Amino acid sequence: MRVFEIAAFAVRGLTANKMRSGLTTLGILIGVASVILLIAVGNGASSAVQQSIAGLGTNILTISPQRAQPGTTAKPLTTADATALVGADSPDVKYASPVVSAQATAGYGDTTHDIGQFIGSDPRYFDTTNSSVAQGNLFSDNDVQQARKVVVIGSTVAAELFPGTDPVGKSMLVNNIPFTVVGVLAAKGSSGLQDADDMAVAPLTTAQNALTGYGSLTQIVVQARSADALPNAQAQVTTILNGRHKITDTADYRILSQDQLLTARTATTETFTVLLASVAAISLLVGGIGITNIMLVTVTERIREIGIRKAVGAPRSSILGQFLIEATLLSLFGGALGIAAGMIGSQFTIAGIQPVLVPSSVLLAFAVSALIGLFFGSYPASRAAKLRPIEALRHE
């Protein structure tokens, strides 16, 4: 029997029970759409993280305190440490800004907002982190010296507390302490994991007086003179801090470059993507099991039909081919619908992440759906092909 005739029998077999075929197709659709969409979400998260880190610049070092080893005493990072990092001993260091962080709830009128990141630093911080002002002005060195209660806020804070209103010059409460808004930072966007615009920056001395106290700095943010000078800058910073902290073995601080942060966060995102893809693959497996069950039921219901076809001369290969084609068509149709659903879904923002469609995931999901039809349909098809005509015709 020619191939197109076998395919015609397969199509008639599928259309004979549309409800059963539709349920099987739905299982494959969900599996394929899940694979495409979840990989797109993982890829979108990875892209957002890379853009977020790249937005800070490729010549940034972040110095953080590190717990001391047993038997040793960790020295805190201080403003004096930050000052010492810029000078003749570190020609490749351009800026070094001391940073303190605090938990802060801001209020204006009847509106309150928990600020994602409230920090205190100096005016060089804005240059170091490539932050520019969109409205108003940045605070000055004089504001730091006088510990004035002024603050520069991110666009998210401005939108939450001052919707439709120019916040510059307004007074807002930070942990019930009044601060005057002097500027609004230009938007940087969200990475999906953290909103870079949900922040506020106040003079270092003000934040220490009013919110954090004069303990250890949270960070020192260092800007090298160029991306190429970053390794030299890191070596110079390490030498200076080791000398100041009298380090002989394990340092009581750690230095991370943007490349290291990017590598760490990318590795985390890739693990997240693999996890999502694994969950989606389970959906495909469930769809494949559904194909097996449906095809077994189909074979049982059509035993007499198989017997008649064998009695009039249909070879075993025709019966085998028919049921394999039926299973494969179910998978391919479900896969095509799943691709359409996945591509449509990837156009929407999910949990703050804009999915980025990966063409290879589309091809992979469609190929896997076809293989699922062949693999999970082979057992029912083989069972149908092995039926003896006389036993099939006697079946009730």
Protein backbone atom coordinates (compact mmCIF):
# COMPACT_ATOMS: atom_id res chain seq x y z
CA MET A 1 0.00 0.00 0.00
CA ARG A 2 1.33 3.36 -0.93
CA VAL A 3 2.32 5.89 1.70
CA PHE A 4 -0.43 8.43 0.92
CA GLU A 5 -3.09 5.73 1.31
CA ILE A 6 -1.67 4.75 4.72
CA ALA A 7 -1.67 8.45 5.68
CA ALA A 8 -5.29 8.78 4.54
CA PHE A 9 -6.31 5.89 6.82
CA ALA A 10 -4.41 7.55 9.67
CA VAL A 11 -6.20 10.88 9.17
CA ARG A 12 -9.60 9.15 9.09
CA GLY A 13 -8.68 7.34 12.29
CA LEU A 14 -7.86 10.61 14.03
CA THR A 15 -10.96 12.44 12.88
CA ALA A 16 -13.19 9.54 13.94
CA ASN A 17 -12.77 10.56 17.58
CA LYS A 18 -12.04 14.28 17.74
CA MET A 19 -12.47 14.55 21.50
CA ARG A 20 -9.80 11.93 22.23
CA SER A 21 -7.41 13.38 19.65
CA GLY A 22 -7.98 16.89 21.03
CA LEU A 23 -7.09 15.89 24.60
CA THR A 24 -3.86 14.26 23.45
CA THR A 25 -2.98 17.29 21.33
CA LEU A 26 -3.60 19.54 24.34
CA GLY A 27 -1.04 17.62 26.40
CA ILE A 28 1.65 18.06 23.74
CA LEU A 29 0.64 21.72 23.25
CA ILE A 30 1.13 22.48 26.95
CA GLY A 31 4.48 20.69 27.01
CA VAL A 32 5.92 22.40 23.93
CA ALA A 33 4.61 25.84 24.93
CA SER A 34 6.09 25.38 28.42
CA VAL A 35 9.52 24.48 27.07
CA ILE A 36 9.61 27.48 24.74
CA LEU A 37 8.20 29.98 27.22
CA LEU A 38 10.20 28.92 30.26
CA ILE A 39 13.48 28.90 28.34
CA ALA A 40 12.55 32.35 27.00
CA VAL A 41 11.94 33.57 30.58
CA GLY A 42 15.30 32.22 31.72
CA ASN A 43 17.06 33.81 28.76
CA GLY A 44 15.26 37.09 29.40
CA ALA A 45 16.34 37.05 33.04
CA SER A 46 19.94 36.42 31.99
CA SER A 47 19.85 39.30 29.49
CA ALA A 48 18.33 41.64 32.08
CA VAL A 49 21.06 40.79 34.60
CA GLN A 50 23.78 41.38 32.02
CA GLN A 51 22.27 44.74 31.02
CA SER A 52 21.89 45.76 34.65
CA ILE A 53 25.52 45.00 35.46
CA ALA A 54 26.77 46.51 32.21
CA GLY A 55 24.84 49.69 33.07
CA LEU A 56 27.15 50.20 36.03
CA GLY A 57 30.17 50.10 33.76
CA THR A 58 32.91 47.58 33.12
CA ASN A 59 35.49 49.38 35.23
CA ILE A 60 33.88 49.03 38.67
CA LEU A 61 35.17 47.20 41.74
CA THR A 62 32.98 46.54 44.77
CA ILE A 63 34.70 46.02 48.13
CA SER A 64 32.66 44.41 50.93
CA PRO A 65 33.50 43.34 54.50
CA GLN A 66 34.17 39.64 55.01
CA ARG A 67 33.87 37.60 58.18
CA ALA A 68 37.23 36.97 59.83
CA GLN A 69 38.74 33.51 60.21
CA PRO A 70 38.58 31.89 63.68
CA GLY A 71 41.22 33.35 65.97
CA THR A 72 41.50 36.61 64.04
CA THR A 73 39.74 39.96 64.28
CA ALA A 74 38.14 41.56 61.22
CA LYS A 75 38.66 45.28 60.83
CA PRO A 76 35.71 47.25 59.48
CA LEU A 77 35.81 49.11 56.20
CA THR A 78 36.00 52.82 56.97
CA THR A 79 35.76 56.15 55.22
CA ALA A 80 39.50 56.48 55.78
CA ASP A 81 40.00 53.26 53.80
CA ALA A 82 38.05 54.72 50.89
CA THR A 83 40.07 57.94 51.02
CA ALA A 84 43.35 56.02 51.07
CA LEU A 85 42.45 54.15 47.88
CA VAL A 86 42.77 57.30 45.76
CA GLY A 87 46.28 58.72 45.57
CA ALA A 88 49.82 58.25 44.34
CA ASP A 89 49.91 54.59 45.40
CA SER A 90 46.93 53.78 43.17
CA PRO A 91 47.36 55.60 39.84
CA ASP A 92 44.76 53.38 38.14
CA VAL A 93 41.99 54.21 40.67
CA LYS A 94 39.85 57.17 39.66
CA TYR A 95 37.22 57.29 42.42
CA ALA A 96 36.51 55.38 45.63
CA SER A 97 33.14 56.07 47.25
CA PRO A 98 32.22 54.89 50.76
CA VAL A 99 28.71 53.40 50.96
CA VAL A 100 26.37 52.62 53.85
CA SER A 101 22.96 50.98 53.42
CA ALA A 102 19.82 51.18 55.53
CA GLN A 103 16.32 49.76 55.63
CA ALA A 104 14.06 52.72 54.96
CA THR A 105 10.37 53.46 54.62
CA ALA A 106 9.59 56.74 52.88
CA GLY A 107 6.39 58.72 53.20
CA TYR A 108 4.80 61.71 51.54
CA GLY A 109 1.32 62.77 52.54
CA ASP A 110 -0.76 59.62 52.99
CA THR A 111 1.52 57.52 50.79
CA THR A 112 4.31 55.29 52.07
CA HIS A 113 6.84 53.17 50.20
CA ASP A 114 9.51 50.71 51.34
CA ILE A 115 12.61 51.82 49.45
CA GLY A 116 14.45 48.88 47.92
CA GLN A 117 17.88 50.41 48.53
CA PHE A 118 18.57 53.47 50.67
CA ILE A 119 22.26 54.35 50.74
CA GLY A 120 24.54 57.07 51.96
CA SER A 121 27.62 58.06 49.98
CA ASP A 122 29.48 61.01 48.48
CA PRO A 123 28.91 62.87 45.19
CA ARG A 124 31.52 60.70 43.40
CA TYR A 125 29.17 57.74 43.86
CA PHE A 126 27.02 58.96 40.98
CA ASP A 127 29.98 59.11 38.60
CA THR A 128 31.28 55.77 39.85
CA THR A 129 27.97 53.98 39.20
CA ASN A 130 27.19 55.85 35.96
CA SER A 131 24.10 57.46 37.51
CA SER A 132 22.81 60.67 35.98
CA VAL A 133 20.15 63.09 37.16
CA ALA A 134 16.92 63.50 35.22
CA GLN A 135 15.34 66.24 37.37
CA GLY A 136 16.86 68.68 39.82
CA ASN A 137 20.46 68.28 40.97
CA LEU A 138 22.77 65.93 42.83
CA PHE A 139 23.93 66.78 46.33
CA SER A 140 27.40 68.31 46.82
CA ASP A 141 30.48 67.84 48.97
CA ASN A 142 29.24 70.74 51.10
CA ASP A 143 26.01 68.80 51.76
CA VAL A 144 28.15 65.90 52.98
CA GLN A 145 30.27 68.14 55.20
CA GLN A 146 27.22 69.84 56.70
CA ALA A 147 25.26 66.55 56.96
CA ARG A 148 22.25 68.17 55.30
CA LYS A 149 19.10 66.10 55.11
CA VAL A 150 18.81 66.04 51.34
CA VAL A 151 18.21 63.03 49.10
CA VAL A 152 18.30 62.03 45.46
CA ILE A 153 15.66 59.44 44.60
CA GLY A 154 15.23 56.89 41.83
CA SER A 155 12.41 57.05 39.30
CA THR A 156 10.46 54.24 40.99
CA VAL A 157 10.45 56.05 44.34
CA ALA A 158 9.39 59.24 42.56
CA ALA A 159 6.52 57.45 40.83
CA GLU A 160 5.36 55.76 44.05
CA LEU A 161 5.46 58.81 46.31
CA PHE A 162 4.90 61.68 43.88
CA PRO A 163 2.67 60.40 41.05
CA GLY A 164 2.07 63.17 38.54
CA THR A 165 4.01 65.67 40.67
CA ASP A 166 7.52 67.11 40.41
CA PRO A 167 9.21 65.80 43.59
CA VAL A 168 12.16 68.23 43.48
CA GLY A 169 11.97 70.56 46.48
CA LYS A 170 9.38 68.43 48.26
CA SER A 171 10.00 67.10 51.75
CA MET A 172 9.51 63.38 52.37
CA LEU A 173 9.88 61.35 55.54
CA VAL A 174 12.50 58.61 55.70
CA ASN A 175 11.92 56.50 58.80
CA ASN A 176 9.98 59.55 60.09
CA ILE A 177 12.96 61.87 59.49
CA PRO A 178 12.33 64.71 57.00
CA PHE A 179 14.54 64.78 53.89
CA THR A 180 14.34 67.31 51.05
CA VAL A 181 14.32 65.82 47.56
CA VAL A 182 16.93 67.65 45.48
CA GLY A 183 16.99 65.41 42.41
CA VAL A 184 15.55 62.40 40.58
CA LEU A 185 17.90 59.92 38.89
CA ALA A 186 17.46 58.86 35.27
CA ALA A 187 15.77 55.47 34.96
CA LYS A 188 18.00 52.41 34.63
CA GLY A 189 15.28 49.77 34.44
CA SER A 190 14.62 46.50 36.22
CA SER A 191 16.58 43.25 35.94
CA GLY A 192 13.49 41.25 36.84
CA LEU A 193 15.15 40.33 40.12
CA GLN A 194 15.81 43.84 41.41
CA ASP A 195 14.49 47.25 40.45
CA ALA A 196 17.55 49.47 39.96
CA ASP A 197 15.33 52.57 40.18
CA ASP A 198 13.83 51.69 43.57
CA MET A 199 16.58 53.53 45.45
CA ALA A 200 17.52 56.73 47.22
CA VAL A 201 20.95 58.27 47.86
CA ALA A 202 21.69 60.68 50.70
CA PRO A 203 24.96 62.29 51.89
CA LEU A 204 27.09 59.75 53.76
CA THR A 205 27.24 61.77 56.98
CA THR A 206 23.49 62.34 56.96
CA ALA A 207 22.75 58.62 56.57
CA GLN A 208 25.21 57.78 59.35
CA ASN A 209 23.84 60.46 61.71
CA ALA A 210 20.19 59.68 61.12
CA LEU A 211 19.95 56.03 60.10
CA THR A 212 22.98 53.72 60.27
CA GLY A 213 25.36 55.03 62.91
CA TYR A 214 29.12 55.19 62.47
CA GLY A 215 29.92 51.50 62.18
CA SER A 216 31.50 49.64 59.30
CA LEU A 217 30.80 50.73 55.75
CA THR A 218 28.55 48.42 53.76
CA GLN A 219 30.75 48.78 50.68
CA ILE A 220 33.42 50.80 48.98
CA VAL A 221 32.72 51.29 45.30
CA VAL A 222 35.85 51.87 43.23
CA GLN A 223 36.03 53.13 39.65
CA ALA A 224 39.16 52.33 37.66
CA ARG A 225 40.37 54.83 35.08
CA SER A 226 39.37 52.42 32.30
CA ALA A 227 38.23 48.85 31.78
CA ASP A 228 41.76 47.90 30.72
CA ALA A 229 43.14 49.34 33.96
CA LEU A 230 40.78 47.29 36.12
CA PRO A 231 43.25 44.45 36.93
CA ASN A 232 45.94 46.96 37.95
CA ALA A 233 43.43 48.93 39.99
CA GLN A 234 42.34 45.75 41.80
CA ALA A 235 45.95 44.87 42.59
CA GLN A 236 46.63 48.40 43.92
CA VAL A 237 43.48 48.35 46.06
CA THR A 238 44.44 44.95 47.48
CA THR A 239 47.94 46.16 48.39
CA ILE A 240 46.64 49.29 50.13
CA LEU A 241 43.91 47.52 52.11
CA ASN A 242 46.22 44.66 53.12
CA GLY A 243 48.63 47.23 54.51
CA ARG A 244 45.95 49.21 56.34
CA HIS A 245 44.28 46.10 57.78
CA LYS A 246 47.63 44.37 58.46
CA ILE A 247 46.57 41.32 56.46
CA THR A 248 49.08 38.46 56.51
CA ASP A 249 46.87 35.53 55.55
CA THR A 250 43.12 35.71 54.80
CA ALA A 251 41.67 39.13 54.04
CA ASP A 252 38.78 40.53 56.06
CA TYR A 253 37.30 42.01 52.91
CA ARG A 254 36.49 40.79 49.40
CA ILE A 255 36.72 42.51 46.05
CA LEU A 256 34.34 41.76 43.21
CA SER A 257 34.65 43.12 39.70
CA GLN A 258 31.73 43.50 37.32
CA ASP A 259 32.97 40.50 35.34
CA GLN A 260 32.94 38.35 38.46
CA LEU A 261 29.46 39.55 39.38
CA LEU A 262 28.27 38.89 35.85
CA THR A 263 29.75 35.38 35.86
CA ALA A 264 28.19 34.55 39.21
CA ARG A 265 24.76 35.89 38.31
CA THR A 266 24.83 34.34 34.84
CA ALA A 267 25.66 30.94 36.36
CA THR A 268 22.72 31.33 38.73
CA THR A 269 20.41 32.31 35.89
CA GLU A 270 21.56 29.38 33.77
CA THR A 271 20.82 27.00 36.64
CA PHE A 272 17.39 28.61 36.94
CA THR A 273 16.81 28.15 33.18
CA VAL A 274 17.79 24.47 33.30
CA LEU A 275 15.40 23.95 36.21
CA LEU A 276 12.56 25.58 34.31
CA ALA A 277 13.34 23.57 31.18
CA SER A 278 13.35 20.36 33.24
CA VAL A 279 9.92 21.15 34.61
CA ALA A 280 8.69 21.84 31.09
CA ALA A 281 10.22 18.57 29.85
CA ILE A 282 8.09 16.71 32.38
CA SER A 283 5.04 18.23 30.69
CA LEU A 284 6.24 16.77 27.37
CA LEU A 285 6.76 13.39 29.01
CA VAL A 286 3.24 13.46 30.40
CA GLY A 287 1.98 14.32 26.92
CA GLY A 288 3.89 11.34 25.51
CA ILE A 289 2.35 9.00 28.07
CA GLY A 290 -1.02 10.40 27.08
CA ILE A 291 -0.30 9.48 23.46
CA THR A 292 0.51 5.90 24.48
CA ASN A 293 -2.71 5.56 26.47
CA ILE A 294 -4.87 7.09 23.74
CA MET A 295 -3.32 4.94 21.02
CA LEU A 296 -3.75 1.77 23.10
CA VAL A 297 -7.42 2.59 23.56
CA THR A 298 -7.66 3.31 19.84
CA VAL A 299 -6.12 -0.05 18.95
CA THR A 300 -8.50 -1.87 21.30
CA GLU A 301 -11.56 -0.13 19.83
CA ARG A 302 -10.47 -0.81 16.25
CA ILE A 303 -9.42 -4.44 16.51
CA ARG A 304 -12.19 -5.58 14.15
CA GLU A 305 -11.22 -2.88 11.63
CA ILE A 306 -7.61 -4.09 11.80
CA GLY A 307 -8.77 -7.66 11.31
CA ILE A 308 -10.82 -6.77 8.23
CA ARG A 309 -7.91 -4.85 6.69
CA LYS A 310 -5.55 -7.76 7.29
CA ALA A 311 -8.11 -10.22 5.90
CA VAL A 312 -8.28 -8.29 2.61
CA GLY A 313 -4.50 -8.26 2.28
CA ALA A 314 -3.15 -5.29 4.20
CA PRO A 315 0.44 -6.13 5.22
CA ARG A 316 1.78 -5.71 8.74
CA SER A 317 3.86 -2.72 7.66
CA SER A 318 0.69 -0.85 6.58
CA ILE A 319 -0.97 -1.32 9.97
CA LEU A 320 2.24 -0.37 11.77
CA GLY A 321 2.70 2.70 9.57
CA GLN A 322 -0.90 3.83 10.00
CA PHE A 323 -0.77 3.93 13.78
CA LEU A 324 2.70 5.45 13.84
CA ILE A 325 1.50 8.19 11.50
CA GLU A 326 -1.55 8.80 13.72
CA ALA A 327 0.63 9.20 16.82
CA THR A 328 3.13 11.41 14.99
CA LEU A 329 0.41 13.63 13.52
CA LEU A 330 -1.04 14.13 16.98
CA SER A 331 2.38 15.19 18.27
CA LEU A 332 3.19 17.44 15.32
CA PHE A 333 -0.18 19.18 15.47
CA GLY A 334 0.14 19.67 19.23
CA GLY A 335 3.73 20.84 18.74
CA ALA A 336 2.73 23.41 16.12
CA LEU A 337 0.00 24.79 18.39
CA GLY A 338 2.46 24.78 21.32
CA ILE A 339 5.00 26.79 19.30
CA ALA A 340 2.32 29.35 18.46
CA ALA A 341 1.26 29.58 22.12
CA GLY A 342 4.87 29.87 23.32
CA MET A 343 5.71 32.61 20.80
CA ILE A 344 2.59 34.58 21.72
CA GLY A 345 3.28 34.18 25.45
CA SER A 346 6.85 35.38 25.05
CA GLN A 347 5.55 38.78 23.96
CA PHE A 348 4.29 39.53 27.47
CA THR A 349 6.26 40.49 30.58
CA ILE A 350 6.26 37.68 33.15
CA ALA A 351 7.10 38.44 36.80
CA GLY A 352 8.87 41.62 35.71
CA ILE A 353 10.95 39.78 33.10
CA GLN A 354 10.61 40.29 29.35
CA PRO A 355 11.09 36.81 27.82
CA VAL A 356 13.66 36.53 25.03
CA LEU A 357 12.67 33.89 22.48
CA VAL A 358 15.42 31.38 21.69
CA PRO A 359 15.04 30.02 18.10
CA SER A 360 16.89 26.83 18.99
CA SER A 361 14.35 26.09 21.74
CA VAL A 362 11.53 26.33 19.18
CA LEU A 363 13.24 23.86 16.84
CA LEU A 364 14.16 21.58 19.74
CA ALA A 365 10.65 21.53 21.18
CA PHE A 366 9.10 20.79 17.78
CA ALA A 367 11.64 18.02 17.05
CA VAL A 368 11.07 16.48 20.46
CA SER A 369 7.30 16.54 19.93
CA ALA A 370 7.75 14.56 16.69
CA LEU A 371 10.06 12.05 18.41
CA ILE A 372 7.57 11.68 21.24
CA GLY A 373 4.91 10.70 18.71
CA LEU A 374 7.18 8.07 17.16
CA PHE A 375 8.51 6.76 20.49
CA PHE A 376 5.31 6.62 22.48
CA GLY A 377 3.26 5.53 19.48
CA SER A 378 5.56 2.63 18.55
CA TYR A 379 4.25 0.20 21.19
CA PRO A 380 0.52 0.62 20.35
CA ALA A 381 1.36 0.52 16.63
CA SER A 382 3.42 -2.66 17.04
CA ARG A 383 0.63 -4.25 19.06
CA ALA A 384 -1.88 -3.47 16.33
CA ALA A 385 0.41 -4.81 13.61
CA LYS A 386 0.92 -8.11 15.45
CA LEU A 387 -2.80 -8.94 15.72
CA ARG A 388 -3.77 -12.13 13.88
CA PRO A 389 -6.66 -11.58 11.44
CA ILE A 390 -8.84 -14.45 12.72
CA GLU A 391 -8.53 -13.31 16.36
CA ALA A 392 -9.21 -9.70 15.40
CA LEU A 393 -12.36 -10.63 13.48
CA ARG A 394 -13.67 -12.64 16.45
CA HIS A 395 -13.14 -9.72 18.83
CA GLU A 396 -16.32 -8.22 20.33
